[in-house]
Amino acid sequence: MRKILHEWKNAVTVHWFLAGMGIYLIAVAVLAYWFLAPLRSQYTELIDNRESLENTYINLIQLDIEESIRSVDHILEKLETYQNQFDARLLQEPNLNALMPVLDGYCTSSHLKVLTLEPLNKVQEVTKDYQKLYAQLRLTGRYVDFLDWFKKLEGHPQWILIEKLSIEPTDLPEIQNFTVEISVLRDRRKK
């Protein structure tokens, strides 16, 4: 009987030991969940915030790229406008012959006497697409009339550039001789 009691006592002790261990593990699991649940919710909140910040950063970069593209498009439109204005101011004819009557008309309307008006056989390559054509004028008249002629050249729709200018006095105090070398830009691609 002793043996049976001893076996029963051992069986009950193991049973209570296992029950105590089970209760202990359940208590530890509940306490761990109770302590870790707020940390887990904070962790998921931080992950969500990080993803939100990444999305915001991506959206900001995308907006910055879109703004940059709009800015580049605006600059390209301006450059195209400048290119069109530049092309409009170039000599449209292949040589200076069409410009000679215009220069003569400016001299006449400015009350300057034309001594010589001739294109020069001088051509300067500015770039692979553009070149300068030259002409020389020898004029005589008053300085005030010469300034009027300058204003007319400035108002001409095409660029007429003054390359060289010399003013020489004459026997008459109000009259001077003017030697002017002009150039005009021309697009070589247009024949």
C-alpha atoms as a PDB file:
ATOM      1  CA  MET A   1       0.000   0.000   0.000  1.00  0.00           C
ATOM      2  CA  ARG A   2       2.771   2.211   0.665  1.00  0.00           C
ATOM      3  CA  LYS A   3       3.894   1.653  -2.747  1.00  0.00           C
ATOM      4  CA  ILE A   4       0.509   2.607  -4.146  1.00  0.00           C
ATOM      5  CA  LEU A   5       0.425   5.743  -2.025  1.00  0.00           C
ATOM      6  CA  HIS A   6       3.863   6.661  -3.099  1.00  0.00           C
ATOM      7  CA  GLU A   7       2.978   6.131  -6.769  1.00  0.00           C
ATOM      8  CA  TRP A   8      -0.207   8.069  -6.325  1.00  0.00           C
ATOM      9  CA  LYS A   9       1.679  10.879  -4.599  1.00  0.00           C
ATOM     10  CA  ASN A  10       4.220  10.922  -7.402  1.00  0.00           C
ATOM     11  CA  ALA A  11       1.416  10.920  -9.960  1.00  0.00           C
ATOM     12  CA  VAL A  12      -0.355  13.796  -8.183  1.00  0.00           C
ATOM     13  CA  THR A  13       2.885  15.739  -7.777  1.00  0.00           C
ATOM     14  CA  VAL A  14       3.714  15.413 -11.453  1.00  0.00           C
ATOM     15  CA  HIS A  15       0.140  16.338 -12.279  1.00  0.00           C
ATOM     16  CA  TRP A  16       0.269  19.460 -10.082  1.00  0.00           C
ATOM     17  CA  PHE A  17       3.711  20.252 -11.366  1.00  0.00           C
ATOM     18  CA  LEU A  18       2.489  20.064 -14.962  1.00  0.00           C
ATOM     19  CA  ALA A  19      -0.599  22.102 -14.082  1.00  0.00           C
ATOM     20  CA  GLY A  20       1.538  24.736 -12.358  1.00  0.00           C
ATOM     21  CA  MET A  21       3.868  24.870 -15.343  1.00  0.00           C
ATOM     22  CA  GLY A  22       0.906  25.295 -17.681  1.00  0.00           C
ATOM     23  CA  ILE A  23      -0.548  28.098 -15.575  1.00  0.00           C
ATOM     24  CA  TYR A  24       2.883  29.734 -15.357  1.00  0.00           C
ATOM     25  CA  LEU A  25       3.358  29.581 -19.146  1.00  0.00           C
ATOM     26  CA  ILE A  26      -0.116  30.984 -19.733  1.00  0.00           C
ATOM     27  CA  ALA A  27       0.569  33.803 -17.246  1.00  0.00           C
ATOM     28  CA  VAL A  28       3.914  34.591 -18.919  1.00  0.00           C
ATOM     29  CA  ALA A  29       2.274  34.547 -22.376  1.00  0.00           C
ATOM     30  CA  VAL A  30      -0.523  36.881 -21.195  1.00  0.00           C
ATOM     31  CA  LEU A  31       1.955  39.247 -19.546  1.00  0.00           C
ATOM     32  CA  ALA A  32       4.227  39.164 -22.596  1.00  0.00           C
ATOM     33  CA  TYR A  33       1.270  39.908 -24.878  1.00  0.00           C
ATOM     34  CA  TRP A  34       0.132  42.654 -22.510  1.00  0.00           C
ATOM     35  CA  PHE A  35       3.610  44.261 -22.578  1.00  0.00           C
ATOM     36  CA  LEU A  36       4.360  43.602 -26.250  1.00  0.00           C
ATOM     37  CA  ALA A  37       0.969  44.586 -27.717  1.00  0.00           C
ATOM     38  CA  PRO A  38       1.566  48.360 -27.293  1.00  0.00           C
ATOM     39  CA  LEU A  39       5.081  47.978 -28.664  1.00  0.00           C
ATOM     40  CA  ARG A  40       3.735  46.082 -31.658  1.00  0.00           C
ATOM     41  CA  SER A  41       1.100  48.748 -32.327  1.00  0.00           C
ATOM     42  CA  GLN A  42       3.792  51.445 -32.080  1.00  0.00           C
ATOM     43  CA  TYR A  43       5.970  49.435 -34.451  1.00  0.00           C
ATOM     44  CA  THR A  44       3.176  49.104 -37.029  1.00  0.00           C
ATOM     45  CA  GLU A  45       2.386  52.811 -36.626  1.00  0.00           C
ATOM     46  CA  LEU A  46       6.044  53.691 -37.234  1.00  0.00           C
ATOM     47  CA  ILE A  47       6.123  51.453 -40.314  1.00  0.00           C
ATOM     48  CA  ASP A  48       2.964  53.152 -41.627  1.00  0.00           C
ATOM     49  CA  ASN A  49       4.483  56.588 -40.943  1.00  0.00           C
ATOM     50  CA  ARG A  50       7.676  55.601 -42.746  1.00  0.00           C
ATOM     51  CA  GLU A  51       5.708  54.381 -45.760  1.00  0.00           C
ATOM     52  CA  SER A  52       3.681  57.589 -45.692  1.00  0.00           C
ATOM     53  CA  LEU A  53       6.876  59.662 -45.579  1.00  0.00           C
ATOM     54  CA  GLU A  54       8.345  57.642 -48.443  1.00  0.00           C
ATOM     55  CA  ASN A  55       5.192  58.220 -50.487  1.00  0.00           C
ATOM     56  CA  THR A  56       5.288  61.929 -49.634  1.00  0.00           C
ATOM     57  CA  TYR A  57       8.966  62.081 -50.631  1.00  0.00           C
ATOM     58  CA  ILE A  58       8.230  60.285 -53.906  1.00  0.00           C
ATOM     59  CA  ASN A  59       5.328  62.658 -54.580  1.00  0.00           C
ATOM     60  CA  LEU A  60       7.550  65.664 -53.841  1.00  0.00           C
ATOM     61  CA  ILE A  61      10.237  64.343 -56.169  1.00  0.00           C
ATOM     62  CA  GLN A  62       7.616  63.698 -58.829  1.00  0.00           C
ATOM     63  CA  LEU A  63       6.238  67.237 -58.419  1.00  0.00           C
ATOM     64  CA  ASP A  64       9.774  68.631 -58.565  1.00  0.00           C
ATOM     65  CA  ILE A  65      10.451  66.670 -61.753  1.00  0.00           C
ATOM     66  CA  GLU A  66       7.172  67.844 -63.284  1.00  0.00           C
ATOM     67  CA  GLU A  67       7.997  71.443 -62.353  1.00  0.00           C
ATOM     68  CA  SER A  68      11.464  71.042 -63.844  1.00  0.00           C
ATOM     69  CA  ILE A  69       9.966  69.664 -67.054  1.00  0.00           C
ATOM     70  CA  ARG A  70       7.557  72.607 -67.227  1.00  0.00           C
ATOM     71  CA  SER A  71      10.461  74.987 -66.639  1.00  0.00           C
ATOM     72  CA  VAL A  72      12.528  73.344 -69.371  1.00  0.00           C
ATOM     73  CA  ASP A  73       9.551  73.472 -71.749  1.00  0.00           C
ATOM     74  CA  HIS A  74       9.132  77.178 -70.972  1.00  0.00           C
ATOM     75  CA  ILE A  75      12.832  77.799 -71.614  1.00  0.00           C
ATOM     76  CA  LEU A  76      12.635  75.849 -74.888  1.00  0.00           C
ATOM     77  CA  GLU A  77       9.672  77.971 -75.985  1.00  0.00           C
ATOM     78  CA  LYS A  78      11.665  81.118 -75.200  1.00  0.00           C
ATOM     79  CA  LEU A  79      14.672  79.775 -77.089  1.00  0.00           C
ATOM     80  CA  GLU A  80      12.489  78.942 -80.065  1.00  0.00           C
ATOM     81  CA  THR A  81      11.071  82.478 -79.985  1.00  0.00           C
ATOM     82  CA  TYR A  82      14.595  83.903 -79.854  1.00  0.00           C
ATOM     83  CA  GLN A  83      15.663  81.618 -82.700  1.00  0.00           C
ATOM     84  CA  ASN A  84      12.718  82.792 -84.808  1.00  0.00           C
ATOM     85  CA  GLN A  85      13.532  86.432 -84.039  1.00  0.00           C
ATOM     86  CA  PHE A  86      17.181  85.816 -84.890  1.00  0.00           C
ATOM     87  CA  ASP A  87      16.297  84.088 -88.171  1.00  0.00           C
ATOM     88  CA  ALA A  88      13.928  86.923 -89.096  1.00  0.00           C
ATOM     89  CA  ARG A  89      16.763  89.447 -88.725  1.00  0.00           C
ATOM     90  CA  LEU A  90      19.097  87.548 -91.070  1.00  0.00           C
ATOM     91  CA  LEU A  91      19.585  88.488 -94.707  1.00  0.00           C
ATOM     92  CA  GLN A  92      17.107  86.396 -96.683  1.00  0.00           C
ATOM     93  CA  GLU A  93      18.780  86.834-100.088  1.00  0.00           C
ATOM     94  CA  PRO A  94      21.929  84.963-101.135  1.00  0.00           C
ATOM     95  CA  ASN A  95      23.908  88.207-101.683  1.00  0.00           C
ATOM     96  CA  LEU A  96      23.858  91.908-100.812  1.00  0.00           C
ATOM     97  CA  ASN A  97      22.406  93.129-104.132  1.00  0.00           C
ATOM     98  CA  ALA A  98      18.869  93.320-102.738  1.00  0.00           C
ATOM     99  CA  LEU A  99      20.082  95.415 -99.796  1.00  0.00           C
ATOM    100  CA  MET A 100      21.896  98.052-101.886  1.00  0.00           C
ATOM    101  CA  PRO A 101      18.758  99.986-102.957  1.00  0.00           C
ATOM    102  CA  VAL A 102      17.605 100.036 -99.319  1.00  0.00           C
ATOM    103  CA  LEU A 103      20.935 101.503 -98.165  1.00  0.00           C
ATOM    104  CA  ASP A 104      20.841 104.046-100.993  1.00  0.00           C
ATOM    105  CA  GLY A 105      17.271 105.004-100.019  1.00  0.00           C
ATOM    106  CA  TYR A 106      18.329 105.502 -96.384  1.00  0.00           C
ATOM    107  CA  CYS A 107      21.175 107.771 -97.543  1.00  0.00           C
ATOM    108  CA  THR A 108      18.873 109.801 -99.786  1.00  0.00           C
ATOM    109  CA  SER A 109      16.184 110.215 -97.114  1.00  0.00           C
ATOM    110  CA  SER A 110      18.873 111.248 -94.591  1.00  0.00           C
ATOM    111  CA  HIS A 111      20.224 113.880 -97.023  1.00  0.00           C
ATOM    112  CA  LEU A 112      23.594 112.166 -97.414  1.00  0.00           C
ATOM    113  CA  LYS A 113      25.340 112.051-100.772  1.00  0.00           C
ATOM    114  CA  VAL A 114      26.514 108.579-101.769  1.00  0.00           C
ATOM    115  CA  LEU A 115      30.024 108.607-103.238  1.00  0.00           C
ATOM    116  CA  THR A 116      30.376 104.811-103.470  1.00  0.00           C
ATOM    117  CA  LEU A 117      28.140 101.940-102.473  1.00  0.00           C
ATOM    118  CA  GLU A 118      29.513  98.521-103.310  1.00  0.00           C
ATOM    119  CA  PRO A 119      29.504  95.000-101.945  1.00  0.00           C
ATOM    120  CA  LEU A 120      32.936  93.708-100.979  1.00  0.00           C
ATOM    121  CA  ASN A 121      34.254  90.323-102.034  1.00  0.00           C
ATOM    122  CA  LYS A 122      34.826  89.603 -98.381  1.00  0.00           C
ATOM    123  CA  VAL A 123      32.878  86.779 -96.733  1.00  0.00           C
ATOM    124  CA  GLN A 124      33.507  85.670 -93.168  1.00  0.00           C
ATOM    125  CA  GLU A 125      32.315  82.324 -91.860  1.00  0.00           C
ATOM    126  CA  VAL A 126      30.799  82.984 -88.437  1.00  0.00           C
ATOM    127  CA  THR A 127      29.784  79.393 -87.737  1.00  0.00           C
ATOM    128  CA  LYS A 128      29.110  76.437 -89.993  1.00  0.00           C
ATOM    129  CA  ASP A 129      25.583  77.791 -90.572  1.00  0.00           C
ATOM    130  CA  TYR A 130      26.120  81.562 -90.727  1.00  0.00           C
ATOM    131  CA  GLN A 131      28.332  83.933 -92.632  1.00  0.00           C
ATOM    132  CA  LYS A 132      28.873  87.676 -92.858  1.00  0.00           C
ATOM    133  CA  LEU A 133      28.635  89.528 -96.151  1.00  0.00           C
ATOM    134  CA  TYR A 134      30.358  92.917 -96.352  1.00  0.00           C
ATOM    135  CA  ALA A 135      29.711  96.186 -98.176  1.00  0.00           C
ATOM    136  CA  GLN A 136      31.420  99.565 -98.144  1.00  0.00           C
ATOM    137  CA  LEU A 137      29.812 102.993 -98.360  1.00  0.00           C
ATOM    138  CA  ARG A 138      31.492 106.334 -98.839  1.00  0.00           C
ATOM    139  CA  LEU A 139      29.155 109.155 -97.931  1.00  0.00           C
ATOM    140  CA  THR A 140      29.380 112.884 -97.560  1.00  0.00           C
ATOM    141  CA  GLY A 141      27.118 115.154 -95.574  1.00  0.00           C
ATOM    142  CA  ARG A 142      26.445 116.684 -92.211  1.00  0.00           C
ATOM    143  CA  TYR A 143      27.077 114.774 -89.012  1.00  0.00           C
ATOM    144  CA  VAL A 144      23.445 115.223 -87.910  1.00  0.00           C
ATOM    145  CA  ASP A 145      22.260 113.616 -91.158  1.00  0.00           C
ATOM    146  CA  PHE A 146      24.727 110.789 -90.622  1.00  0.00           C
ATOM    147  CA  LEU A 147      23.216 110.131 -87.170  1.00  0.00           C
ATOM    148  CA  ASP A 148      19.768 110.038 -88.787  1.00  0.00           C
ATOM    149  CA  TRP A 149      21.116 107.457 -91.238  1.00  0.00           C
ATOM    150  CA  PHE A 150      22.391 105.419 -88.268  1.00  0.00           C
ATOM    151  CA  LYS A 151      18.920 105.425 -86.711  1.00  0.00           C
ATOM    152  CA  LYS A 152      17.440 104.159 -89.970  1.00  0.00           C
ATOM    153  CA  LEU A 153      19.983 101.337 -90.079  1.00  0.00           C
ATOM    154  CA  GLU A 154      19.086 100.446 -86.517  1.00  0.00           C
ATOM    155  CA  GLY A 155      15.388 100.305 -87.374  1.00  0.00           C
ATOM    156  CA  HIS A 156      15.948  98.071 -90.409  1.00  0.00           C
ATOM    157  CA  PRO A 157      14.279  94.663 -89.976  1.00  0.00           C
ATOM    158  CA  GLN A 158      17.538  92.868 -90.766  1.00  0.00           C
ATOM    159  CA  TRP A 159      20.761  93.278 -88.842  1.00  0.00           C
ATOM    160  CA  ILE A 160      23.137  95.691 -90.478  1.00  0.00           C
ATOM    161  CA  LEU A 161      26.317  95.722 -88.433  1.00  0.00           C
ATOM    162  CA  ILE A 162      28.875  98.537 -88.564  1.00  0.00           C
ATOM    163  CA  GLU A 163      32.309  96.913 -88.859  1.00  0.00           C
ATOM    164  CA  LYS A 164      34.491  99.964 -89.582  1.00  0.00           C
ATOM    165  CA  LEU A 165      33.791 103.662 -89.500  1.00  0.00           C
ATOM    166  CA  SER A 166      35.998 106.601 -90.348  1.00  0.00           C
ATOM    167  CA  ILE A 167      35.039 110.265 -90.383  1.00  0.00           C
ATOM    168  CA  GLU A 168      37.203 112.717 -92.286  1.00  0.00           C
ATOM    169  CA  PRO A 169      36.759 116.479 -92.383  1.00  0.00           C
ATOM    170  CA  THR A 170      36.312 118.356 -95.647  1.00  0.00           C
ATOM    171  CA  ASP A 171      37.011 121.913 -96.694  1.00  0.00           C
ATOM    172  CA  LEU A 172      33.513 122.866 -95.555  1.00  0.00           C
ATOM    173  CA  PRO A 173      33.203 122.923 -91.736  1.00  0.00           C
ATOM    174  CA  GLU A 174      29.739 121.314 -91.555  1.00  0.00           C
ATOM    175  CA  ILE A 175      30.389 118.597 -94.144  1.00  0.00           C
ATOM    176  CA  GLN A 176      32.325 115.402 -93.427  1.00  0.00           C
ATOM    177  CA  ASN A 177      33.251 112.352 -95.468  1.00  0.00           C
ATOM    178  CA  PHE A 178      32.130 109.076 -93.919  1.00  0.00           C
ATOM    179  CA  THR A 179      33.567 105.701 -94.854  1.00  0.00           C
ATOM    180  CA  VAL A 180      31.498 102.867 -93.440  1.00  0.00           C
ATOM    181  CA  GLU A 181      32.070  99.141 -93.780  1.00  0.00           C
ATOM    182  CA  ILE A 182      28.933  97.192 -92.929  1.00  0.00           C
ATOM    183  CA  SER A 183      28.194  93.512 -92.657  1.00  0.00           C
ATOM    184  CA  VAL A 184      25.013  91.499 -92.762  1.00  0.00           C
ATOM    185  CA  LEU A 185      24.506  88.020 -91.327  1.00  0.00           C
ATOM    186  CA  ARG A 186      23.182  85.387 -93.699  1.00  0.00           C
ATOM    187  CA  ASP A 187      22.067  81.818 -93.125  1.00  0.00           C
ATOM    188  CA  ARG A 188      24.220  79.595 -95.334  1.00  0.00           C
ATOM    189  CA  ARG A 189      21.628  76.836 -95.273  1.00  0.00           C
ATOM    190  CA  LYS A 190      19.236  79.011 -97.289  1.00  0.00           C
ATOM    191  CA  LYS A 191      20.356  79.143-100.900  1.00  0.00           C
END
